[in-house]
Amino acid sequence: MVTRIYPGTSDFENLSALRTESSQEANDFDYAGVIVPKPWGEEYLWFQNSSVAIWMLHLKPGCGTSLHCHARKRTSLIVMQGNVLCSTINDRYHLKEGEAVVLEPCVFHSSKAISEKDVFLMEVETPPLKGDLLRCRDTFGRAGKAYESSTQYSRELERYDYQPLDSIRHGGGRFDFKGVSLRYSSFRGKLDFHNGLLPGGVSIPLLGRMVFGKQTVADIGEAITSSEIPLESCPESIPPVELLQILPSNPYHS
């Protein structure tokens, strides 16, 4: 399941009233090989190209992020392990493994671990602007503050569960990661989609938009369920698109 969330009046009112520090350092920094400790856990860069960045968030049980927004980037959040309460200013969404929300720019949101075990949450950012962060409310006193400074980062990777995509030898095939199964491969037309699409999963274009004729099925970094992909209208040949597919290892998990 993928839920799409668009900004409303409350989001724009809070955005216009909010004062925050900016962080060009966060936009320019090379995050390869570092962990960013957080009061709720930690996060690290899992994958990045020129169009999209994927971060892996580890949330300790009962802990959650600030209520924040990104004014210039779309964010897709997908649960890798555990259960998450994703809250916006006006709504709440309970997410289990393999489920996702797509947050358009300016939507204030927070993510909280609500299962007894640790939570791993994938955050897909388009475009990859880490400094695009506006914190509204925060349990840990970071409201109005910019993204963490590089002086707080750690390179002691052995202390953490650090597994970026380029360290996983998957060969384009399906592999298990946390509580889900993943596949990262290229699609070039109808035959590839018929043979390679995982039913019941979530797909995210990481390179190239998913365009069938004049129809944009999914933009770069935009999560979409497999059932939303109109295979019947897929041309025999399309410009290559690289898809990350996510499927719960146990489809009956609740």
C-alpha atoms as a PDB file:
ATOM      1  CA  MET A   1       0.000   0.000   0.000  1.00  0.00           C
ATOM      2  CA  VAL A   2       1.226   3.492  -0.865  1.00  0.00           C
ATOM      3  CA  THR A   3      -0.486   6.601   0.529  1.00  0.00           C
ATOM      4  CA  ARG A   4       0.116   9.942  -1.185  1.00  0.00           C
ATOM      5  CA  ILE A   5       0.025  13.070   0.964  1.00  0.00           C
ATOM      6  CA  TYR A   6      -0.190  16.629  -0.357  1.00  0.00           C
ATOM      7  CA  PRO A   7       0.362  19.895   1.549  1.00  0.00           C
ATOM      8  CA  GLY A   8      -2.626  21.720   2.957  1.00  0.00           C
ATOM      9  CA  THR A   9      -3.361  25.123   4.414  1.00  0.00           C
ATOM     10  CA  SER A  10      -1.895  24.205   7.816  1.00  0.00           C
ATOM     11  CA  ASP A  11       1.378  23.179   6.200  1.00  0.00           C
ATOM     12  CA  PHE A  12       1.771  26.462   4.344  1.00  0.00           C
ATOM     13  CA  GLU A  13       0.792  28.493   7.425  1.00  0.00           C
ATOM     14  CA  ASN A  14       3.440  26.758   9.542  1.00  0.00           C
ATOM     15  CA  LEU A  15       6.000  27.023   6.761  1.00  0.00           C
ATOM     16  CA  SER A  16       5.525  30.782   6.387  1.00  0.00           C
ATOM     17  CA  ALA A  17       5.831  31.340  10.155  1.00  0.00           C
ATOM     18  CA  LEU A  18       8.849  29.110  10.691  1.00  0.00           C
ATOM     19  CA  ARG A  19      12.346  30.456  11.184  1.00  0.00           C
ATOM     20  CA  THR A  20      15.179  27.981  10.758  1.00  0.00           C
ATOM     21  CA  GLU A  21      18.884  27.783  10.148  1.00  0.00           C
ATOM     22  CA  SER A  22      20.002  26.851   6.652  1.00  0.00           C
ATOM     23  CA  SER A  23      22.724  24.283   5.965  1.00  0.00           C
ATOM     24  CA  GLN A  24      24.569  24.459   2.683  1.00  0.00           C
ATOM     25  CA  GLU A  25      27.147  22.209   4.334  1.00  0.00           C
ATOM     26  CA  ALA A  26      24.547  19.454   4.549  1.00  0.00           C
ATOM     27  CA  ASN A  27      23.749  19.788   0.841  1.00  0.00           C
ATOM     28  CA  ASP A  28      27.412  19.660  -0.203  1.00  0.00           C
ATOM     29  CA  PHE A  29      28.756  17.000   2.165  1.00  0.00           C
ATOM     30  CA  ASP A  30      29.782  13.543   0.881  1.00  0.00           C
ATOM     31  CA  TYR A  31      27.926  11.136   3.181  1.00  0.00           C
ATOM     32  CA  ALA A  32      29.535   7.940   1.885  1.00  0.00           C
ATOM     33  CA  GLY A  33      31.019   5.945   4.738  1.00  0.00           C
ATOM     34  CA  VAL A  34      29.532   7.931   7.627  1.00  0.00           C
ATOM     35  CA  ILE A  35      26.795   7.441  10.191  1.00  0.00           C
ATOM     36  CA  VAL A  36      24.709  10.396  11.347  1.00  0.00           C
ATOM     37  CA  PRO A  37      23.772   9.771  15.010  1.00  0.00           C
ATOM     38  CA  LYS A  38      20.359  11.039  16.075  1.00  0.00           C
ATOM     39  CA  PRO A  39      18.684  11.229  19.493  1.00  0.00           C
ATOM     40  CA  TRP A  40      16.161   8.676  18.191  1.00  0.00           C
ATOM     41  CA  GLY A  41      18.761   6.327  16.625  1.00  0.00           C
ATOM     42  CA  GLU A  42      20.873   6.983  13.537  1.00  0.00           C
ATOM     43  CA  GLU A  43      20.782   7.203   9.754  1.00  0.00           C
ATOM     44  CA  TYR A  44      23.131   6.656   6.833  1.00  0.00           C
ATOM     45  CA  LEU A  45      23.198   7.129   3.084  1.00  0.00           C
ATOM     46  CA  TRP A  46      22.146   3.827   1.479  1.00  0.00           C
ATOM     47  CA  PHE A  47      22.225   4.868  -2.207  1.00  0.00           C
ATOM     48  CA  GLN A  48      22.640   8.052  -4.244  1.00  0.00           C
ATOM     49  CA  ASN A  49      22.846   9.211  -7.832  1.00  0.00           C
ATOM     50  CA  SER A  50      22.440  12.660  -9.397  1.00  0.00           C
ATOM     51  CA  SER A  51      18.634  12.578  -9.042  1.00  0.00           C
ATOM     52  CA  VAL A  52      17.801  10.723  -5.845  1.00  0.00           C
ATOM     53  CA  ALA A  53      19.211   9.799  -2.434  1.00  0.00           C
ATOM     54  CA  ILE A  54      18.084   6.911  -0.238  1.00  0.00           C
ATOM     55  CA  TRP A  55      18.694   7.055   3.497  1.00  0.00           C
ATOM     56  CA  MET A  56      18.280   4.177   5.926  1.00  0.00           C
ATOM     57  CA  LEU A  57      16.877   5.287   9.282  1.00  0.00           C
ATOM     58  CA  HIS A  58      17.159   3.216  12.455  1.00  0.00           C
ATOM     59  CA  LEU A  59      14.562   4.273  15.038  1.00  0.00           C
ATOM     60  CA  LYS A  60      14.732   2.931  18.582  1.00  0.00           C
ATOM     61  CA  PRO A  61      11.436   1.564  19.984  1.00  0.00           C
ATOM     62  CA  GLY A  62       9.190   4.402  21.105  1.00  0.00           C
ATOM     63  CA  CYS A  63      11.363   7.096  19.515  1.00  0.00           C
ATOM     64  CA  GLY A  64      10.523   9.357  16.609  1.00  0.00           C
ATOM     65  CA  THR A  65      11.778  12.131  14.378  1.00  0.00           C
ATOM     66  CA  SER A  66      10.893  15.805  14.694  1.00  0.00           C
ATOM     67  CA  LEU A  67       7.814  17.233  13.020  1.00  0.00           C
ATOM     68  CA  HIS A  68       9.520  18.690   9.965  1.00  0.00           C
ATOM     69  CA  CYS A  69       9.113  19.351   6.269  1.00  0.00           C
ATOM     70  CA  HIS A  70      11.193  19.617   3.114  1.00  0.00           C
ATOM     71  CA  ALA A  71      10.281  22.669   1.061  1.00  0.00           C
ATOM     72  CA  ARG A  72      11.982  21.586  -2.172  1.00  0.00           C
ATOM     73  CA  LYS A  73      11.979  17.794  -2.307  1.00  0.00           C
ATOM     74  CA  ARG A  74       9.543  14.898  -2.472  1.00  0.00           C
ATOM     75  CA  THR A  75      10.025  12.172   0.142  1.00  0.00           C
ATOM     76  CA  SER A  76       8.948   8.537  -0.054  1.00  0.00           C
ATOM     77  CA  LEU A  77       9.054   6.603   3.236  1.00  0.00           C
ATOM     78  CA  ILE A  78       8.983   2.794   3.147  1.00  0.00           C
ATOM     79  CA  VAL A  79       9.031   0.556   6.231  1.00  0.00           C
ATOM     80  CA  MET A  80      11.809  -2.051   6.079  1.00  0.00           C
ATOM     81  CA  GLN A  81      11.285  -3.544   9.541  1.00  0.00           C
ATOM     82  CA  GLY A  82       8.797  -2.981  12.346  1.00  0.00           C
ATOM     83  CA  ASN A  83       5.793  -0.681  12.518  1.00  0.00           C
ATOM     84  CA  VAL A  84       5.722   3.100  12.104  1.00  0.00           C
ATOM     85  CA  LEU A  85       3.302   5.872  12.951  1.00  0.00           C
ATOM     86  CA  CYS A  86       3.702   8.599  10.335  1.00  0.00           C
ATOM     87  CA  SER A  87       2.013  11.782  11.525  1.00  0.00           C
ATOM     88  CA  THR A  88       1.257  14.959   9.612  1.00  0.00           C
ATOM     89  CA  ILE A  89      -0.275  18.115  11.072  1.00  0.00           C
ATOM     90  CA  ASN A  90      -3.806  16.783  10.608  1.00  0.00           C
ATOM     91  CA  ASP A  91      -3.560  12.999  10.089  1.00  0.00           C
ATOM     92  CA  ARG A  92      -1.901   9.785  11.229  1.00  0.00           C
ATOM     93  CA  TYR A  93      -0.902   6.773   9.164  1.00  0.00           C
ATOM     94  CA  HIS A  94       0.000   3.359  10.614  1.00  0.00           C
ATOM     95  CA  LEU A  95       2.532   1.611   8.368  1.00  0.00           C
ATOM     96  CA  LYS A  96       3.780  -1.968   8.490  1.00  0.00           C
ATOM     97  CA  GLU A  97       6.647  -3.640   6.639  1.00  0.00           C
ATOM     98  CA  GLY A  98       6.568  -2.990   2.899  1.00  0.00           C
ATOM     99  CA  GLU A  99       4.075  -0.105   3.155  1.00  0.00           C
ATOM    100  CA  ALA A 100       4.866   3.462   2.143  1.00  0.00           C
ATOM    101  CA  VAL A 101       3.822   7.097   2.094  1.00  0.00           C
ATOM    102  CA  VAL A 102       4.777   9.646  -0.549  1.00  0.00           C
ATOM    103  CA  LEU A 103       5.097  13.142   0.928  1.00  0.00           C
ATOM    104  CA  GLU A 104       5.031  16.018  -1.520  1.00  0.00           C
ATOM    105  CA  PRO A 105       7.172  19.108  -0.768  1.00  0.00           C
ATOM    106  CA  CYS A 106       6.029  21.240   2.202  1.00  0.00           C
ATOM    107  CA  VAL A 107       4.142  18.443   4.031  1.00  0.00           C
ATOM    108  CA  PHE A 108       5.091  18.503   7.725  1.00  0.00           C
ATOM    109  CA  HIS A 109       5.574  14.961   9.019  1.00  0.00           C
ATOM    110  CA  SER A 110       7.165  12.844  11.722  1.00  0.00           C
ATOM    111  CA  SER A 111       7.915   9.110  11.957  1.00  0.00           C
ATOM    112  CA  LYS A 112       7.725   7.151  15.223  1.00  0.00           C
ATOM    113  CA  ALA A 113       8.654   3.527  15.973  1.00  0.00           C
ATOM    114  CA  ILE A 114       5.586   1.877  17.498  1.00  0.00           C
ATOM    115  CA  SER A 115       6.714  -1.764  17.567  1.00  0.00           C
ATOM    116  CA  GLU A 116       8.663  -3.457  20.363  1.00  0.00           C
ATOM    117  CA  LYS A 117      11.604  -4.172  18.063  1.00  0.00           C
ATOM    118  CA  ASP A 118      13.858  -1.646  16.350  1.00  0.00           C
ATOM    119  CA  VAL A 119      12.474   0.001  13.228  1.00  0.00           C
ATOM    120  CA  PHE A 120      14.301   0.479   9.930  1.00  0.00           C
ATOM    121  CA  LEU A 121      12.770   3.028   7.602  1.00  0.00           C
ATOM    122  CA  MET A 122      13.856   3.834   4.053  1.00  0.00           C
ATOM    123  CA  GLU A 123      13.710   7.513   3.109  1.00  0.00           C
ATOM    124  CA  VAL A 124      13.871   8.329  -0.611  1.00  0.00           C
ATOM    125  CA  GLU A 125      14.628  11.993  -1.321  1.00  0.00           C
ATOM    126  CA  THR A 126      14.166  13.699  -4.698  1.00  0.00           C
ATOM    127  CA  PRO A 127      16.238  15.777  -5.360  1.00  0.00           C
ATOM    128  CA  PRO A 128      19.100  14.812  -2.976  1.00  0.00           C
ATOM    129  CA  LEU A 129      19.223  17.976  -0.843  1.00  0.00           C
ATOM    130  CA  LYS A 130      19.990  16.982   2.747  1.00  0.00           C
ATOM    131  CA  GLY A 131      20.008  20.604   3.909  1.00  0.00           C
ATOM    132  CA  ASP A 132      16.379  21.079   2.819  1.00  0.00           C
ATOM    133  CA  LEU A 133      15.014  20.650   6.344  1.00  0.00           C
ATOM    134  CA  LEU A 134      12.593  22.767   8.402  1.00  0.00           C
ATOM    135  CA  ARG A 135      11.967  21.494  11.946  1.00  0.00           C
ATOM    136  CA  CYS A 136       8.731  22.698  13.513  1.00  0.00           C
ATOM    137  CA  ARG A 137       8.449  20.692  16.763  1.00  0.00           C
ATOM    138  CA  ASP A 138      10.905  18.295  18.363  1.00  0.00           C
ATOM    139  CA  THR A 139      11.027  16.284  21.587  1.00  0.00           C
ATOM    140  CA  PHE A 140      14.815  16.679  21.670  1.00  0.00           C
ATOM    141  CA  GLY A 141      14.950  20.481  21.445  1.00  0.00           C
ATOM    142  CA  ARG A 142      15.988  20.772  17.794  1.00  0.00           C
ATOM    143  CA  ALA A 143      13.044  22.864  16.548  1.00  0.00           C
ATOM    144  CA  GLY A 144      14.281  25.592  14.221  1.00  0.00           C
ATOM    145  CA  LYS A 145      17.735  24.026  13.933  1.00  0.00           C
ATOM    146  CA  ALA A 146      19.385  22.868  10.723  1.00  0.00           C
ATOM    147  CA  TYR A 147      20.586  19.362   9.875  1.00  0.00           C
ATOM    148  CA  GLU A 148      23.290  17.945  12.143  1.00  0.00           C
ATOM    149  CA  SER A 149      26.815  19.313  11.660  1.00  0.00           C
ATOM    150  CA  SER A 150      29.568  17.110  10.245  1.00  0.00           C
ATOM    151  CA  THR A 151      31.344  17.352  13.624  1.00  0.00           C
ATOM    152  CA  GLN A 152      28.644  14.993  14.941  1.00  0.00           C
ATOM    153  CA  TYR A 153      29.077  12.295  12.285  1.00  0.00           C
ATOM    154  CA  SER A 154      30.732   8.957  12.998  1.00  0.00           C
ATOM    155  CA  ARG A 155      33.017   6.829  10.829  1.00  0.00           C
ATOM    156  CA  GLU A 156      33.083   3.968  13.338  1.00  0.00           C
ATOM    157  CA  LEU A 157      30.921   1.876  11.036  1.00  0.00           C
ATOM    158  CA  GLU A 158      31.552  -1.356  12.956  1.00  0.00           C
ATOM    159  CA  ARG A 159      29.434   0.029  15.810  1.00  0.00           C
ATOM    160  CA  TYR A 160      26.359   0.222  13.592  1.00  0.00           C
ATOM    161  CA  ASP A 161      24.280  -1.913  11.245  1.00  0.00           C
ATOM    162  CA  TYR A 162      25.786  -0.295   8.148  1.00  0.00           C
ATOM    163  CA  GLN A 163      24.819  -1.977   4.848  1.00  0.00           C
ATOM    164  CA  PRO A 164      24.699   0.432   1.880  1.00  0.00           C
ATOM    165  CA  LEU A 165      23.419  -0.972  -1.388  1.00  0.00           C
ATOM    166  CA  ASP A 166      26.842  -1.058  -3.051  1.00  0.00           C
ATOM    167  CA  SER A 167      28.042  -3.474  -0.339  1.00  0.00           C
ATOM    168  CA  ILE A 168      25.299  -5.993  -1.177  1.00  0.00           C
ATOM    169  CA  ARG A 169      26.141  -8.358  -4.036  1.00  0.00           C
ATOM    170  CA  HIS A 170      22.709  -8.916  -5.534  1.00  0.00           C
ATOM    171  CA  GLY A 171      23.499  -9.134  -9.263  1.00  0.00           C
ATOM    172  CA  GLY A 172      20.116  -7.648 -10.139  1.00  0.00           C
ATOM    173  CA  GLY A 173      18.315 -10.520  -8.438  1.00  0.00           C
ATOM    174  CA  ARG A 174      15.987 -10.556  -5.463  1.00  0.00           C
ATOM    175  CA  PHE A 175      17.596 -10.370  -2.012  1.00  0.00           C
ATOM    176  CA  ASP A 176      16.405 -10.089   1.600  1.00  0.00           C
ATOM    177  CA  PHE A 177      17.080  -6.947   3.617  1.00  0.00           C
ATOM    178  CA  LYS A 178      15.711  -6.367   7.108  1.00  0.00           C
ATOM    179  CA  GLY A 179      12.039  -7.484   7.032  1.00  0.00           C
ATOM    180  CA  VAL A 180      11.546  -7.205   3.266  1.00  0.00           C
ATOM    181  CA  SER A 181      12.798  -8.541  -0.060  1.00  0.00           C
ATOM    182  CA  LEU A 182      14.386  -6.171  -2.561  1.00  0.00           C
ATOM    183  CA  ARG A 183      15.266  -6.195  -6.219  1.00  0.00           C
ATOM    184  CA  TYR A 184      17.166  -3.457  -8.071  1.00  0.00           C
ATOM    185  CA  SER A 185      17.211  -3.929 -11.839  1.00  0.00           C
ATOM    186  CA  SER A 186      16.682  -2.210 -15.187  1.00  0.00           C
ATOM    187  CA  PHE A 187      13.474  -2.294 -17.263  1.00  0.00           C
ATOM    188  CA  ARG A 188      13.402  -1.515 -20.986  1.00  0.00           C
ATOM    189  CA  GLY A 189       9.900  -2.466 -22.095  1.00  0.00           C
ATOM    190  CA  LYS A 190       6.817  -4.657 -21.765  1.00  0.00           C
ATOM    191  CA  LEU A 191       8.686  -7.981 -21.627  1.00  0.00           C
ATOM    192  CA  ASP A 192      10.866  -6.791 -18.735  1.00  0.00           C
ATOM    193  CA  PHE A 193       7.822  -5.672 -16.755  1.00  0.00           C
ATOM    194  CA  HIS A 194       5.943  -8.922 -17.376  1.00  0.00           C
ATOM    195  CA  ASN A 195       8.957 -11.011 -16.347  1.00  0.00           C
ATOM    196  CA  GLY A 196      10.516  -8.861 -13.640  1.00  0.00           C
ATOM    197  CA  LEU A 197       7.753  -7.036 -11.762  1.00  0.00           C
ATOM    198  CA  LEU A 198       7.172  -8.434  -8.262  1.00  0.00           C
ATOM    199  CA  PRO A 199       3.415  -8.633  -7.567  1.00  0.00           C
ATOM    200  CA  GLY A 200       2.244  -7.134  -4.301  1.00  0.00           C
ATOM    201  CA  GLY A 201       5.296  -4.920  -3.911  1.00  0.00           C
ATOM    202  CA  VAL A 202       6.281  -1.263  -4.060  1.00  0.00           C
ATOM    203  CA  SER A 203       8.398   0.064  -6.943  1.00  0.00           C
ATOM    204  CA  ILE A 204      10.543   3.214  -6.983  1.00  0.00           C
ATOM    205  CA  PRO A 205      12.278   4.567 -10.119  1.00  0.00           C
ATOM    206  CA  LEU A 206      15.838   5.525  -9.173  1.00  0.00           C
ATOM    207  CA  LEU A 207      17.089   6.397 -12.648  1.00  0.00           C
ATOM    208  CA  GLY A 208      14.712   7.442 -15.424  1.00  0.00           C
ATOM    209  CA  ARG A 209      11.011   8.202 -15.085  1.00  0.00           C
ATOM    210  CA  MET A 210       8.489   5.416 -15.650  1.00  0.00           C
ATOM    211  CA  VAL A 211       6.704   6.766 -18.745  1.00  0.00           C
ATOM    212  CA  PHE A 212       4.366   4.679 -20.917  1.00  0.00           C
ATOM    213  CA  GLY A 213       3.670   6.668 -24.082  1.00  0.00           C
ATOM    214  CA  LYS A 214       2.237   9.988 -22.902  1.00  0.00           C
ATOM    215  CA  GLN A 215       1.450   8.678 -19.418  1.00  0.00           C
ATOM    216  CA  THR A 216       3.848   9.306 -16.539  1.00  0.00           C
ATOM    217  CA  VAL A 217       3.333   6.288 -14.292  1.00  0.00           C
ATOM    218  CA  ALA A 218       5.908   7.271 -11.640  1.00  0.00           C
ATOM    219  CA  ASP A 219       8.491  10.018 -11.362  1.00  0.00           C
ATOM    220  CA  ILE A 220      12.029   9.489 -10.073  1.00  0.00           C
ATOM    221  CA  GLY A 221      11.920   8.674  -6.358  1.00  0.00           C
ATOM    222  CA  GLU A 222       8.126   8.269  -6.291  1.00  0.00           C
ATOM    223  CA  ALA A 223       6.911   5.054  -4.659  1.00  0.00           C
ATOM    224  CA  ILE A 224       4.103   3.217  -6.467  1.00  0.00           C
ATOM    225  CA  THR A 225       2.429  -0.152  -5.889  1.00  0.00           C
ATOM    226  CA  SER A 226       2.867  -2.854  -8.506  1.00  0.00           C
ATOM    227  CA  SER A 227      -0.898  -2.949  -9.035  1.00  0.00           C
ATOM    228  CA  GLU A 228      -0.815   0.727 -10.105  1.00  0.00           C
ATOM    229  CA  ILE A 229       1.538  -0.005 -13.008  1.00  0.00           C
ATOM    230  CA  PRO A 230      -0.637  -0.374 -16.148  1.00  0.00           C
ATOM    231  CA  LEU A 231       1.161  -3.281 -17.809  1.00  0.00           C
ATOM    232  CA  GLU A 232      -1.414  -3.391 -20.614  1.00  0.00           C
ATOM    233  CA  SER A 233      -0.351   0.070 -21.801  1.00  0.00           C
ATOM    234  CA  CYS A 234       3.398  -0.479 -21.509  1.00  0.00           C
ATOM    235  CA  PRO A 235       5.104  -0.113 -24.918  1.00  0.00           C
ATOM    236  CA  GLU A 236       7.301  -2.877 -26.263  1.00  0.00           C
ATOM    237  CA  SER A 237      10.278  -0.559 -25.757  1.00  0.00           C
ATOM    238  CA  ILE A 238      10.786   2.380 -23.368  1.00  0.00           C
ATOM    239  CA  PRO A 239      13.796   4.460 -22.302  1.00  0.00           C
ATOM    240  CA  PRO A 240      15.608   2.439 -19.614  1.00  0.00           C
ATOM    241  CA  VAL A 241      14.330   2.887 -16.081  1.00  0.00           C
ATOM    242  CA  GLU A 242      16.058   1.442 -13.014  1.00  0.00           C
ATOM    243  CA  LEU A 243      13.567   0.233 -10.414  1.00  0.00           C
ATOM    244  CA  LEU A 244      14.009  -0.620  -6.772  1.00  0.00           C
ATOM    245  CA  GLN A 245      11.269  -3.086  -5.846  1.00  0.00           C
ATOM    246  CA  ILE A 246      10.285  -3.750  -2.218  1.00  0.00           C
ATOM    247  CA  LEU A 247       8.166  -6.695  -1.117  1.00  0.00           C
ATOM    248  CA  PRO A 248       7.349  -7.846   2.430  1.00  0.00           C
ATOM    249  CA  SER A 249       9.129 -11.143   3.131  1.00  0.00           C
ATOM    250  CA  ASN A 250       5.920 -12.246   4.854  1.00  0.00           C
ATOM    251  CA  PRO A 251       2.914 -10.878   2.925  1.00  0.00           C
ATOM    252  CA  TYR A 252       0.656 -11.801   5.852  1.00  0.00           C
ATOM    253  CA  HIS A 253       2.586  -9.696   8.356  1.00  0.00           C
ATOM    254  CA  SER A 254       0.359  -7.414  10.395  1.00  0.00           C
END
